[in-house]
Amino acid sequence: MNSAADLPDDIDALKAIIVAQQEQAGVQAGVIARKEDRIVQLEKLVADYKRALFGAKSEKVCPEQFELALEDIETAQEAIHAEDEKDDLQVRGKPRPRKANRGSLPKHLPRIEEVIEPENIVCDCGCVRHVIGEDVSERLDIVPAQFRVIVTRRPKYACRSCEGGITQAPAPAHLIAGGMPTEATVAHVIVSKYADHLPLYRQAQIYSRQGIDLDRSTLAAWVGRAAFELTPVYDALLASLKRSNKLFMDETVAPVLDPGRKKTKTGYFWALARDDRPWGGEDPPGVAFTYAPGRSGQYAESILKGFTGTLQVDGYAGYNRLLKHQGNAIRLAYCWAHARRKLFEVAKSGKATPIADAGIAQIRELYQIEKDIRGQSPADRMAARQDRSKPIIKQMEIWLKDSRARVSAKSPIGEALKYITKYWAGLIEFLDDGRVELDSNTVERTIRPIALNRKNALFAGHDAGAQNWAMLASLIETCKLNAIDPHAWLTATLQAILNGHKQSRIDELMPWNYHPTV
């Protein structure tokens, strides 16, 4: 009704209109109140997000935990949006249109066709309607893991005419002789544990929901047998990496149970990585983890035995042993990301910020140049660095000397500048070698899954268990670096080994040589 003239003269009808408007106003007031509450909720979610991303060190979460926190924040945000849509439907009679980012579904997935026909296709005139087109939509459907039983029959044949004996096909070799799992099953357990970070006891719980009762110790036995069979492949991977002349190295903590002391002891996973893709190298990427009971440089030296070339590392002093004992066989290139981090910590504190800010700005220029030349040949990269990066480095050397003269050596900024000065020769190694990266982030990325697994498993049960962990994680992460499905590769490789694959052709089993069968 647009005017008073449109209102009815009947008093009861007017009362009904007033009551309806009051009810509508009440509904809208309730919607407004709920929306105000949700605004407060969203503001809190934004605050939580900012604290997780930018908060003080004591409040900030690590990158892996940040991803988990972000998942919860986004889930809560979507629940609030869903309630908004419900209110819009109640007030407006239809939901507000929302932007959708559905992506695309891969072509290789099987399609289950579902045709929804109208209840009646007969026209009012009596004729049958014919198809003039259709609307097609695709949705992703997931069927939970399905278990099946492979039944193998081996008929026995005998001759009726003579006693020539009985013939029967030989039993195929199995990873677990006389046991329950196929090689694909064992591969699934390994990938779930070392790629998806599901401890064995959780996997046992998942299987139990399907009515399959498997002890954690049984799963552990399967993994152990696979680790034994895969050891030659791991050894070949490590040997392949050490034949390169440019590698990355880093280490991370590996807590190991020490039953005698009823607590854990601290071991380390040492990561040796290769990734020549930024300069178009022909060697495929890979990473090999090795467990060691300590962090001393002697372990790095032992792992690197036989390697000659450039090793890119962080500023850990243990690597100096390599220079001392191996002379010119190994050159150390250091990490600008660690140098920047030292300055960034000072800049955050607000003390000596102009000096720290100047250093960060110069490092930022170096990274911009690296972005421009990524993927070019080593010669082209070196030429660009000599032309564009070297003047920045010369400027920075002057800034470093002048800044150190102006601050206390024991102040935070003094310590940061001292760190850069100490490793200066290795930091500028990239100027004269196009294969060297600006930082060691390549190897740090390969360590992140180890950290995630450590958060779930807490510790390894034994030194030998820690080495098995390192070995299987090496193979899985190398698969991922080469865009190979770890489950498919593990299944095929275990089957090949059981079928007598020759040790002399072990390189054929490397993840980068795997070609999946369609």
Protein backbone atom coordinates (compact mmCIF):
# COMPACT_ATOMS: atom_id res chain seq x y z
CA MET A 1 0.00 0.00 0.00
CA ASN A 2 1.52 3.25 -1.17
CA SER A 3 -0.88 5.86 0.35
CA ALA A 4 -3.63 6.35 2.94
CA ALA A 5 -6.20 6.03 0.18
CA ASP A 6 -5.14 2.44 -0.30
CA LEU A 7 -5.90 1.52 3.31
CA PRO A 8 -9.17 -0.32 4.00
CA ASP A 9 -11.98 1.39 5.95
CA ASP A 10 -12.70 -1.71 8.00
CA ILE A 11 -11.23 -1.40 11.54
CA ASP A 12 -10.49 -5.13 11.86
CA ALA A 13 -8.62 -5.10 8.57
CA LEU A 14 -6.56 -2.11 9.74
CA LYS A 15 -5.74 -3.90 12.98
CA ALA A 16 -4.58 -6.95 11.01
CA ILE A 17 -2.29 -4.76 8.90
CA ILE A 18 -0.80 -3.13 12.01
CA VAL A 19 -0.23 -6.53 13.68
CA ALA A 20 1.46 -7.87 10.53
CA GLN A 21 3.73 -4.84 10.33
CA GLN A 22 4.62 -5.15 13.99
CA GLU A 23 5.50 -8.81 13.48
CA GLN A 24 7.61 -7.91 10.46
CA ALA A 25 9.34 -5.13 12.43
CA GLY A 26 10.01 -7.61 15.23
CA VAL A 27 11.57 -10.07 12.77
CA GLN A 28 13.74 -7.32 11.27
CA ALA A 29 14.79 -6.13 14.74
CA GLY A 30 15.82 -9.68 15.59
CA VAL A 31 17.77 -9.95 12.34
CA ILE A 32 19.55 -6.64 13.05
CA ALA A 33 20.43 -7.78 16.56
CA ARG A 34 21.82 -11.08 15.28
CA LYS A 35 23.78 -9.29 12.57
CA GLU A 36 25.30 -6.95 15.17
CA ASP A 37 26.33 -9.98 17.22
CA ARG A 38 27.90 -11.52 14.15
CA ILE A 39 29.77 -8.30 13.38
CA VAL A 40 31.31 -8.58 16.84
CA GLN A 41 32.16 -12.23 16.13
CA LEU A 42 33.78 -11.35 12.80
CA GLU A 43 35.78 -8.55 14.41
CA LYS A 44 37.08 -11.03 16.96
CA LEU A 45 37.99 -13.48 14.18
CA VAL A 46 39.90 -10.72 12.37
CA ALA A 47 41.73 -9.89 15.61
CA ASP A 48 42.62 -13.56 16.11
CA TYR A 49 43.84 -13.74 12.52
CA LYS A 50 46.05 -10.65 12.93
CA ARG A 51 47.47 -11.96 16.18
CA ALA A 52 48.28 -15.30 14.57
CA LEU A 53 49.98 -13.59 11.64
CA PHE A 54 51.54 -10.44 13.12
CA GLY A 55 51.48 -10.93 16.88
CA ALA A 56 54.38 -10.76 19.27
CA LYS A 57 56.73 -13.73 19.22
CA SER A 58 55.15 -15.15 22.38
CA GLU A 59 51.70 -15.05 20.76
CA LYS A 60 52.58 -15.85 17.15
CA VAL A 61 52.13 -19.43 16.02
CA CYS A 62 54.50 -21.36 13.77
CA PRO A 63 53.59 -21.61 10.05
CA GLU A 64 52.11 -25.10 10.40
CA GLN A 65 49.97 -24.14 13.40
CA PHE A 66 49.00 -20.93 11.60
CA GLU A 67 47.45 -22.98 8.81
CA LEU A 68 45.39 -24.91 11.37
CA ALA A 69 44.30 -21.69 13.08
CA LEU A 70 43.37 -20.16 9.74
CA GLU A 71 41.20 -23.20 8.93
CA ASP A 72 39.22 -22.70 12.14
CA ILE A 73 38.84 -18.97 11.51
CA GLU A 74 37.59 -19.53 7.95
CA THR A 75 35.21 -22.25 9.14
CA ALA A 76 33.73 -19.93 11.76
CA GLN A 77 33.45 -17.14 9.21
CA GLU A 78 31.55 -19.38 6.78
CA ALA A 79 29.15 -20.46 9.53
CA ILE A 80 28.38 -16.77 10.18
CA HIS A 81 27.79 -16.15 6.47
CA ALA A 82 25.42 -19.13 6.38
CA GLU A 83 23.37 -17.60 9.19
CA ASP A 84 23.28 -14.31 7.27
CA GLU A 85 21.89 -16.12 4.26
CA LYS A 86 19.21 -17.72 6.39
CA ASP A 87 18.16 -14.30 7.70
CA ASP A 88 18.13 -12.85 4.18
CA LEU A 89 15.88 -15.70 3.07
CA GLN A 90 13.52 -14.99 5.97
CA VAL A 91 13.31 -11.24 5.31
CA ARG A 92 13.66 -10.99 1.51
CA GLY A 93 12.19 -14.33 0.55
CA LYS A 94 15.37 -15.35 -1.29
CA PRO A 95 19.05 -15.62 -0.36
CA ARG A 96 21.49 -12.92 -1.35
CA PRO A 97 23.65 -14.07 -4.28
CA ARG A 98 27.16 -15.03 -3.22
CA LYS A 99 30.35 -15.17 -5.19
CA ALA A 100 31.46 -18.74 -5.79
CA ASN A 101 34.95 -20.01 -6.54
CA ARG A 102 34.32 -23.58 -7.58
CA GLY A 103 37.44 -24.23 -9.59
CA SER A 104 37.34 -27.08 -12.09
CA LEU A 105 37.07 -30.81 -11.61
CA PRO A 106 39.82 -32.92 -13.29
CA LYS A 107 38.82 -34.70 -16.48
CA HIS A 108 40.30 -38.03 -15.36
CA LEU A 109 37.80 -38.46 -12.51
CA PRO A 110 35.00 -40.93 -13.29
CA ARG A 111 31.62 -39.32 -13.96
CA ILE A 112 28.42 -40.81 -12.53
CA GLU A 113 25.57 -39.51 -14.67
CA GLU A 114 22.33 -38.59 -12.93
CA VAL A 115 19.39 -37.44 -15.08
CA ILE A 116 16.49 -35.73 -13.32
CA GLU A 117 13.38 -35.80 -15.50
CA PRO A 118 10.24 -33.68 -14.92
CA GLU A 119 7.31 -35.54 -13.37
CA ASN A 120 5.20 -34.84 -16.47
CA ILE A 121 6.38 -33.98 -19.99
CA VAL A 122 2.89 -33.83 -21.54
CA CYS A 123 1.95 -30.31 -22.62
CA ASP A 124 -1.42 -28.74 -21.73
CA CYS A 125 -2.38 -29.12 -25.40
CA GLY A 126 -1.93 -32.87 -25.14
CA CYS A 127 1.34 -33.19 -27.08
CA VAL A 128 4.52 -34.67 -25.61
CA ARG A 129 7.27 -32.10 -25.04
CA HIS A 130 10.69 -32.75 -26.65
CA VAL A 131 14.17 -31.95 -25.33
CA ILE A 132 15.50 -28.55 -26.43
CA GLY A 133 18.52 -28.38 -24.13
CA GLU A 134 19.71 -29.12 -20.63
CA ASP A 135 21.44 -27.61 -17.63
CA VAL A 136 24.52 -29.53 -16.48
CA SER A 137 26.25 -29.17 -13.13
CA GLU A 138 29.19 -31.07 -11.69
CA ARG A 139 29.84 -31.64 -7.99
CA LEU A 140 32.71 -33.39 -6.30
CA ASP A 141 31.64 -36.59 -4.54
CA ILE A 142 33.93 -38.53 -2.20
CA VAL A 143 33.48 -42.18 -1.31
CA PRO A 144 35.35 -43.09 1.90
CA ALA A 145 38.28 -45.48 1.45
CA GLN A 146 36.95 -48.81 0.34
CA PHE A 147 38.62 -52.00 1.49
CA ARG A 148 38.60 -55.07 -0.67
CA VAL A 149 40.07 -58.56 -0.47
CA ILE A 150 42.31 -59.92 -3.21
CA VAL A 151 41.65 -63.67 -3.45
CA THR A 152 44.45 -65.54 -5.21
CA ARG A 153 43.75 -69.09 -6.39
CA ARG A 154 46.50 -71.40 -7.70
CA PRO A 155 44.89 -74.51 -9.21
CA LYS A 156 46.82 -77.76 -9.05
CA TYR A 157 46.89 -79.95 -12.15
CA ALA A 158 47.61 -83.68 -12.35
CA CYS A 159 47.74 -86.12 -15.30
CA ARG A 160 45.11 -88.90 -15.41
CA SER A 161 47.19 -91.05 -17.77
CA CYS A 162 50.45 -91.20 -15.82
CA GLU A 163 51.98 -90.33 -12.56
CA GLY A 164 53.97 -87.45 -13.96
CA GLY A 165 53.36 -85.40 -10.87
CA ILE A 166 51.40 -82.29 -10.08
CA THR A 167 51.96 -78.87 -11.61
CA GLN A 168 51.00 -75.56 -10.09
CA ALA A 169 51.94 -71.93 -10.72
CA PRO A 170 54.48 -70.64 -8.16
CA ALA A 171 53.18 -68.32 -5.48
CA PRO A 172 54.03 -64.68 -6.24
CA ALA A 173 56.44 -62.93 -3.89
CA HIS A 174 54.75 -60.79 -1.26
CA LEU A 175 56.23 -58.13 0.96
CA ILE A 176 54.65 -59.74 4.02
CA ALA A 177 55.05 -63.46 3.30
CA GLY A 178 51.86 -65.26 4.25
CA GLY A 179 50.50 -61.99 5.58
CA MET A 180 47.37 -59.98 5.00
CA PRO A 181 48.39 -56.79 3.15
CA THR A 182 49.08 -56.17 -0.51
CA GLU A 183 51.98 -53.89 -1.40
CA ALA A 184 49.44 -51.14 -2.14
CA THR A 185 48.09 -51.49 1.41
CA VAL A 186 51.56 -51.13 2.92
CA ALA A 187 52.21 -48.14 0.65
CA HIS A 188 48.98 -46.55 1.89
CA VAL A 189 50.07 -46.98 5.53
CA ILE A 190 53.47 -45.40 4.79
CA VAL A 191 52.02 -42.44 2.89
CA SER A 192 49.39 -41.87 5.59
CA LYS A 193 52.09 -41.78 8.26
CA TYR A 194 54.89 -39.85 6.54
CA ALA A 195 53.02 -37.68 4.01
CA ASP A 196 49.65 -37.15 5.70
CA HIS A 197 51.06 -37.22 9.25
CA LEU A 198 48.69 -39.86 10.64
CA PRO A 199 50.39 -41.89 13.39
CA LEU A 200 49.86 -45.64 13.16
CA TYR A 201 47.54 -45.81 16.15
CA ARG A 202 45.19 -43.33 14.46
CA GLN A 203 45.25 -45.36 11.26
CA ALA A 204 44.34 -48.45 13.30
CA GLN A 205 41.32 -46.54 14.65
CA ILE A 206 40.26 -45.60 11.09
CA TYR A 207 40.49 -49.24 9.96
CA SER A 208 38.54 -50.34 13.00
CA ARG A 209 35.58 -48.22 11.89
CA GLN A 210 35.48 -50.37 8.74
CA GLY A 211 35.43 -53.54 10.83
CA ILE A 212 39.10 -54.35 10.21
CA ASP A 213 40.95 -54.87 13.48
CA LEU A 214 44.66 -54.28 13.10
CA ASP A 215 47.05 -53.65 15.97
CA ARG A 216 49.36 -50.67 15.77
CA SER A 217 52.25 -53.11 16.19
CA THR A 218 51.09 -54.99 13.08
CA LEU A 219 51.12 -51.81 11.01
CA ALA A 220 54.56 -50.98 12.43
CA ALA A 221 55.84 -54.40 11.32
CA TRP A 222 54.58 -53.76 7.79
CA VAL A 223 56.32 -50.37 7.66
CA GLY A 224 59.54 -51.87 9.02
CA ARG A 225 59.63 -54.59 6.38
CA ALA A 226 59.02 -52.02 3.64
CA ALA A 227 61.79 -49.81 5.05
CA PHE A 228 64.20 -52.75 4.84
CA GLU A 229 63.33 -53.47 1.21
CA LEU A 230 63.52 -49.77 0.24
CA THR A 231 66.93 -49.16 1.84
CA PRO A 232 68.88 -49.72 -1.45
CA VAL A 233 66.65 -47.14 -3.16
CA TYR A 234 67.33 -44.63 -0.38
CA ASP A 235 71.08 -45.31 -0.59
CA ALA A 236 70.95 -44.73 -4.35
CA LEU A 237 69.06 -41.47 -3.81
CA LEU A 238 71.67 -40.20 -1.36
CA ALA A 239 74.48 -41.24 -3.72
CA SER A 240 72.77 -39.45 -6.62
CA LEU A 241 72.54 -36.24 -4.62
CA LYS A 242 76.20 -36.37 -3.61
CA ARG A 243 77.26 -36.69 -7.25
CA SER A 244 75.92 -33.15 -7.77
CA ASN A 245 78.19 -30.16 -7.38
CA LYS A 246 75.59 -27.85 -5.81
CA LEU A 247 73.46 -28.87 -2.80
CA PHE A 248 71.59 -27.43 0.17
CA MET A 249 71.91 -28.68 3.75
CA ASP A 250 70.02 -28.03 6.97
CA GLU A 251 69.09 -29.83 10.15
CA THR A 252 66.08 -30.04 12.46
CA VAL A 253 65.43 -31.53 15.88
CA ALA A 254 64.36 -35.19 16.12
CA PRO A 255 63.24 -36.11 19.66
CA VAL A 256 63.89 -39.80 20.31
CA LEU A 257 62.57 -41.87 23.21
CA ASP A 258 65.27 -42.86 25.69
CA PRO A 259 63.65 -45.72 27.69
CA GLY A 260 66.53 -46.02 30.14
CA ARG A 261 66.03 -42.44 31.34
CA LYS A 262 62.24 -42.50 30.91
CA LYS A 263 62.38 -39.34 28.80
CA THR A 264 63.33 -38.23 25.29
CA LYS A 265 66.77 -37.35 24.02
CA THR A 266 67.53 -34.88 21.26
CA GLY A 267 68.67 -36.20 17.92
CA TYR A 268 68.68 -34.44 14.55
CA PHE A 269 67.45 -35.02 11.03
CA TRP A 270 70.01 -33.70 8.55
CA ALA A 271 68.53 -32.79 5.17
CA LEU A 272 70.58 -32.82 1.97
CA ALA A 273 68.63 -31.35 -0.95
CA ARG A 274 69.06 -30.65 -4.64
CA ASP A 275 66.92 -28.38 -6.76
CA ASP A 276 68.49 -27.13 -9.98
CA ARG A 277 65.23 -25.95 -11.52
CA PRO A 278 65.80 -22.22 -10.83
CA TRP A 279 68.79 -22.27 -13.24
CA GLY A 280 67.57 -24.92 -15.67
CA GLY A 281 69.79 -27.75 -14.44
CA GLU A 282 69.18 -31.22 -15.82
CA ASP A 283 69.43 -33.15 -12.54
CA PRO A 284 66.01 -33.85 -10.99
CA PRO A 285 65.18 -32.43 -7.56
CA GLY A 286 65.48 -34.64 -4.49
CA VAL A 287 66.06 -34.66 -0.76
CA ALA A 288 67.59 -37.22 1.59
CA PHE A 289 67.21 -37.06 5.37
CA THR A 290 69.69 -38.76 7.67
CA TYR A 291 69.24 -39.26 11.38
CA ALA A 292 72.16 -38.47 13.69
CA PRO A 293 72.26 -38.46 17.50
CA GLY A 294 73.68 -34.93 17.59
CA ARG A 295 74.23 -31.62 15.82
CA SER A 296 78.02 -31.62 15.71
CA GLY A 297 79.64 -30.77 12.42
CA GLN A 298 81.16 -34.26 12.37
CA TYR A 299 77.75 -35.64 11.37
CA ALA A 300 77.48 -33.22 8.46
CA GLU A 301 80.99 -34.21 7.39
CA SER A 302 80.10 -37.90 7.55
CA ILE A 303 76.91 -37.45 5.51
CA LEU A 304 78.74 -35.39 2.88
CA LYS A 305 81.62 -37.83 2.45
CA GLY A 306 82.38 -38.00 -1.26
CA PHE A 307 80.67 -34.70 -2.12
CA THR A 308 82.61 -31.87 -3.74
CA GLY A 309 81.13 -28.56 -4.77
CA THR A 310 79.09 -25.71 -3.31
CA LEU A 311 76.95 -26.30 -0.25
CA GLN A 312 74.32 -23.72 0.64
CA VAL A 313 73.61 -23.53 4.39
CA ASP A 314 72.51 -21.28 7.21
CA GLY A 315 74.94 -19.72 9.68
CA TYR A 316 75.35 -22.75 11.96
CA ALA A 317 79.01 -22.86 13.03
CA GLY A 318 79.18 -26.66 12.73
CA TYR A 319 79.56 -26.33 8.96
CA ASN A 320 82.93 -24.61 9.44
CA ARG A 321 84.33 -28.08 10.12
CA LEU A 322 83.80 -28.85 6.45
CA LEU A 323 86.11 -26.02 5.42
CA LYS A 324 88.69 -27.02 8.00
CA HIS A 325 88.84 -30.73 7.15
CA GLN A 326 88.02 -30.78 3.44
CA GLY A 327 89.88 -27.72 2.23
CA ASN A 328 88.75 -26.50 -1.17
CA ALA A 329 86.61 -29.59 -1.85
CA ILE A 330 83.56 -27.79 -0.44
CA ARG A 331 82.63 -24.13 -0.72
CA LEU A 332 79.98 -22.71 1.62
CA ALA A 333 77.34 -20.30 0.35
CA TYR A 334 75.30 -18.66 3.09
CA CYS A 335 71.69 -17.58 3.35
CA TRP A 336 70.47 -14.01 2.92
CA ALA A 337 67.10 -14.94 4.42
CA HIS A 338 68.83 -15.58 7.76
CA ALA A 339 70.72 -12.29 7.48
CA ARG A 340 67.47 -10.45 6.76
CA ARG A 341 65.79 -12.20 9.69
CA LYS A 342 68.41 -10.80 12.07
CA LEU A 343 67.70 -7.26 10.85
CA PHE A 344 63.95 -7.82 10.84
CA GLU A 345 63.98 -8.81 14.53
CA VAL A 346 65.74 -5.52 15.31
CA ALA A 347 63.32 -3.52 13.15
CA LYS A 348 60.37 -5.04 15.01
CA SER A 349 61.80 -3.95 18.37
CA GLY A 350 61.86 -0.31 17.26
CA LYS A 351 65.50 0.20 18.31
CA ALA A 352 68.08 1.26 15.71
CA THR A 353 65.29 0.91 13.15
CA PRO A 354 66.84 3.23 10.48
CA ILE A 355 69.94 1.03 10.22
CA ALA A 356 67.93 -2.20 10.15
CA ASP A 357 65.43 -0.72 7.68
CA ALA A 358 68.25 0.32 5.35
CA GLY A 359 69.69 -3.20 5.39
CA ILE A 360 66.30 -4.79 4.77
CA ALA A 361 65.66 -2.44 1.82
CA GLN A 362 68.98 -3.39 0.18
CA ILE A 363 68.30 -7.10 0.62
CA ARG A 364 64.83 -6.56 -0.87
CA GLU A 365 66.49 -5.14 -4.01
CA LEU A 366 68.62 -8.28 -4.31
CA TYR A 367 65.54 -10.48 -4.11
CA GLN A 368 63.78 -8.45 -6.80
CA ILE A 369 66.70 -9.05 -9.16
CA GLU A 370 66.56 -12.79 -8.36
CA LYS A 371 62.88 -12.82 -9.21
CA ASP A 372 63.63 -11.28 -12.61
CA ILE A 373 66.32 -13.81 -13.55
CA ARG A 374 64.72 -16.97 -12.18
CA GLY A 375 64.82 -19.82 -14.70
CA GLN A 376 67.70 -18.37 -16.73
CA SER A 377 70.96 -20.24 -17.32
CA PRO A 378 73.79 -20.01 -14.75
CA ALA A 379 75.84 -17.84 -17.14
CA ASP A 380 72.96 -15.40 -17.70
CA ARG A 381 72.19 -15.28 -13.98
CA MET A 382 75.81 -14.55 -13.12
CA ALA A 383 76.00 -11.82 -15.77
CA ALA A 384 72.85 -10.16 -14.41
CA ARG A 385 74.17 -10.37 -10.87
CA GLN A 386 77.47 -8.81 -11.85
CA ASP A 387 75.64 -6.01 -13.63
CA ARG A 388 72.78 -5.35 -11.18
CA SER A 389 73.47 -7.05 -7.83
CA LYS A 390 77.17 -6.29 -7.43
CA PRO A 391 76.69 -2.49 -7.13
CA ILE A 392 74.14 -3.11 -4.36
CA ILE A 393 76.58 -5.43 -2.60
CA LYS A 394 79.34 -2.77 -2.80
CA GLN A 395 76.95 -0.20 -1.35
CA MET A 396 75.95 -2.61 1.35
CA GLU A 397 79.57 -3.30 2.29
CA ILE A 398 80.10 0.42 2.92
CA TRP A 399 76.80 0.61 4.88
CA LEU A 400 77.87 -2.38 6.96
CA LYS A 401 81.24 -0.87 7.89
CA ASP A 402 79.80 2.56 8.69
CA SER A 403 76.88 1.14 10.69
CA ARG A 404 79.07 -1.10 12.83
CA ALA A 405 81.21 1.91 13.74
CA ARG A 406 78.11 3.77 14.99
CA VAL A 407 76.57 1.12 17.28
CA SER A 408 77.61 -0.99 20.22
CA ALA A 409 78.83 -4.42 19.18
CA LYS A 410 76.76 -5.98 21.98
CA SER A 411 73.50 -4.25 21.06
CA PRO A 412 70.87 -6.18 19.07
CA ILE A 413 71.67 -4.25 15.89
CA GLY A 414 75.38 -4.71 16.57
CA GLU A 415 74.89 -8.47 16.85
CA ALA A 416 72.89 -8.53 13.61
CA LEU A 417 75.59 -6.58 11.75
CA LYS A 418 78.27 -8.82 13.26
CA TYR A 419 76.43 -11.89 11.91
CA ILE A 420 76.35 -10.45 8.39
CA THR A 421 80.03 -9.47 8.56
CA LYS A 422 81.05 -12.90 9.83
CA TYR A 423 79.43 -14.70 6.88
CA TRP A 424 80.01 -12.01 4.27
CA ALA A 425 82.28 -14.10 2.03
CA GLY A 426 79.68 -16.87 1.81
CA LEU A 427 76.79 -14.43 1.45
CA ILE A 428 78.28 -12.90 -1.71
CA GLU A 429 79.15 -16.31 -3.20
CA PHE A 430 76.07 -15.99 -5.44
CA LEU A 431 77.70 -13.15 -7.41
CA ASP A 432 80.26 -15.47 -9.01
CA ASP A 433 78.15 -18.63 -9.35
CA GLY A 434 74.87 -18.62 -11.23
CA ARG A 435 73.83 -21.92 -9.62
CA VAL A 436 73.81 -20.48 -6.10
CA GLU A 437 70.52 -19.23 -4.71
CA LEU A 438 70.13 -16.18 -2.52
CA ASP A 439 68.94 -18.31 0.41
CA SER A 440 68.57 -21.87 1.67
CA ASN A 441 64.76 -21.80 1.71
CA THR A 442 64.74 -24.74 -0.72
CA VAL A 443 65.92 -27.17 1.93
CA GLU A 444 63.90 -25.51 4.69
CA ARG A 445 60.71 -26.23 2.74
CA THR A 446 61.56 -29.93 2.57
CA ILE A 447 61.92 -30.01 6.36
CA ARG A 448 58.42 -28.67 7.07
CA PRO A 449 56.69 -32.07 6.64
CA ILE A 450 59.19 -33.53 9.13
CA ALA A 451 58.13 -30.84 11.60
CA LEU A 452 54.44 -31.60 11.02
CA ASN A 453 55.00 -35.31 11.56
CA ARG A 454 56.98 -34.53 14.70
CA LYS A 455 54.06 -32.56 16.10
CA ASN A 456 51.76 -35.54 15.66
CA ALA A 457 54.14 -38.33 16.62
CA LEU A 458 55.94 -36.23 19.30
CA PHE A 459 59.06 -38.41 19.13
CA ALA A 460 60.64 -41.42 17.48
CA GLY A 461 60.69 -44.61 19.53
CA HIS A 462 64.31 -45.51 18.88
CA ASP A 463 67.41 -44.40 16.95
CA ALA A 464 66.73 -47.09 14.33
CA GLY A 465 63.11 -45.96 14.12
CA ALA A 466 64.27 -42.38 13.59
CA GLN A 467 66.48 -43.48 10.68
CA ASN A 468 63.57 -45.40 9.12
CA TRP A 469 61.50 -42.25 9.52
CA ALA A 470 64.24 -40.23 7.79
CA MET A 471 64.56 -42.77 4.98
CA LEU A 472 60.86 -43.11 4.17
CA ALA A 473 60.32 -39.35 4.45
CA SER A 474 63.19 -38.88 1.95
CA LEU A 475 61.51 -41.06 -0.65
CA ILE A 476 58.08 -39.47 -0.17
CA GLU A 477 59.36 -35.88 -0.28
CA THR A 478 61.43 -36.65 -3.38
CA CYS A 479 58.28 -37.98 -5.04
CA LYS A 480 56.49 -34.75 -4.18
CA LEU A 481 59.35 -32.62 -5.53
CA ASN A 482 59.03 -34.48 -8.84
CA ALA A 483 55.20 -34.30 -8.93
CA ILE A 484 54.94 -38.08 -8.53
CA ASP A 485 52.14 -39.73 -6.53
CA PRO A 486 53.99 -41.31 -3.56
CA HIS A 487 51.45 -44.11 -3.16
CA ALA A 488 51.66 -45.18 -6.80
CA TRP A 489 55.47 -45.01 -6.76
CA LEU A 490 55.81 -46.95 -3.51
CA THR A 491 53.43 -49.66 -4.71
CA ALA A 492 55.23 -50.08 -8.05
CA THR A 493 58.68 -49.96 -6.44
CA LEU A 494 57.91 -52.54 -3.77
CA GLN A 495 56.45 -54.84 -6.41
CA ALA A 496 59.53 -54.39 -8.62
CA ILE A 497 61.89 -55.19 -5.75
CA LEU A 498 59.91 -58.30 -4.81
CA ASN A 499 59.98 -59.42 -8.45
CA GLY A 500 63.77 -59.39 -8.39
CA HIS A 501 64.71 -55.98 -9.79
CA LYS A 502 68.49 -56.04 -10.22
CA GLN A 503 70.64 -53.93 -7.91
CA SER A 504 72.71 -52.87 -10.91
CA ARG A 505 69.63 -51.11 -12.31
CA ILE A 506 68.58 -49.46 -9.06
CA ASP A 507 68.59 -46.00 -10.69
CA GLU A 508 65.52 -47.06 -12.68
CA LEU A 509 63.60 -47.11 -9.39
CA MET A 510 64.32 -43.47 -8.55
CA PRO A 511 61.11 -41.45 -8.19
CA TRP A 512 62.02 -39.17 -11.11
CA ASN A 513 62.29 -42.22 -13.40
CA TYR A 514 58.82 -43.49 -12.53
CA HIS A 515 56.24 -43.49 -15.32
CA PRO A 516 52.72 -44.31 -14.12
CA THR A 517 50.73 -46.79 -16.15
CA VAL A 518 47.37 -45.53 -17.33
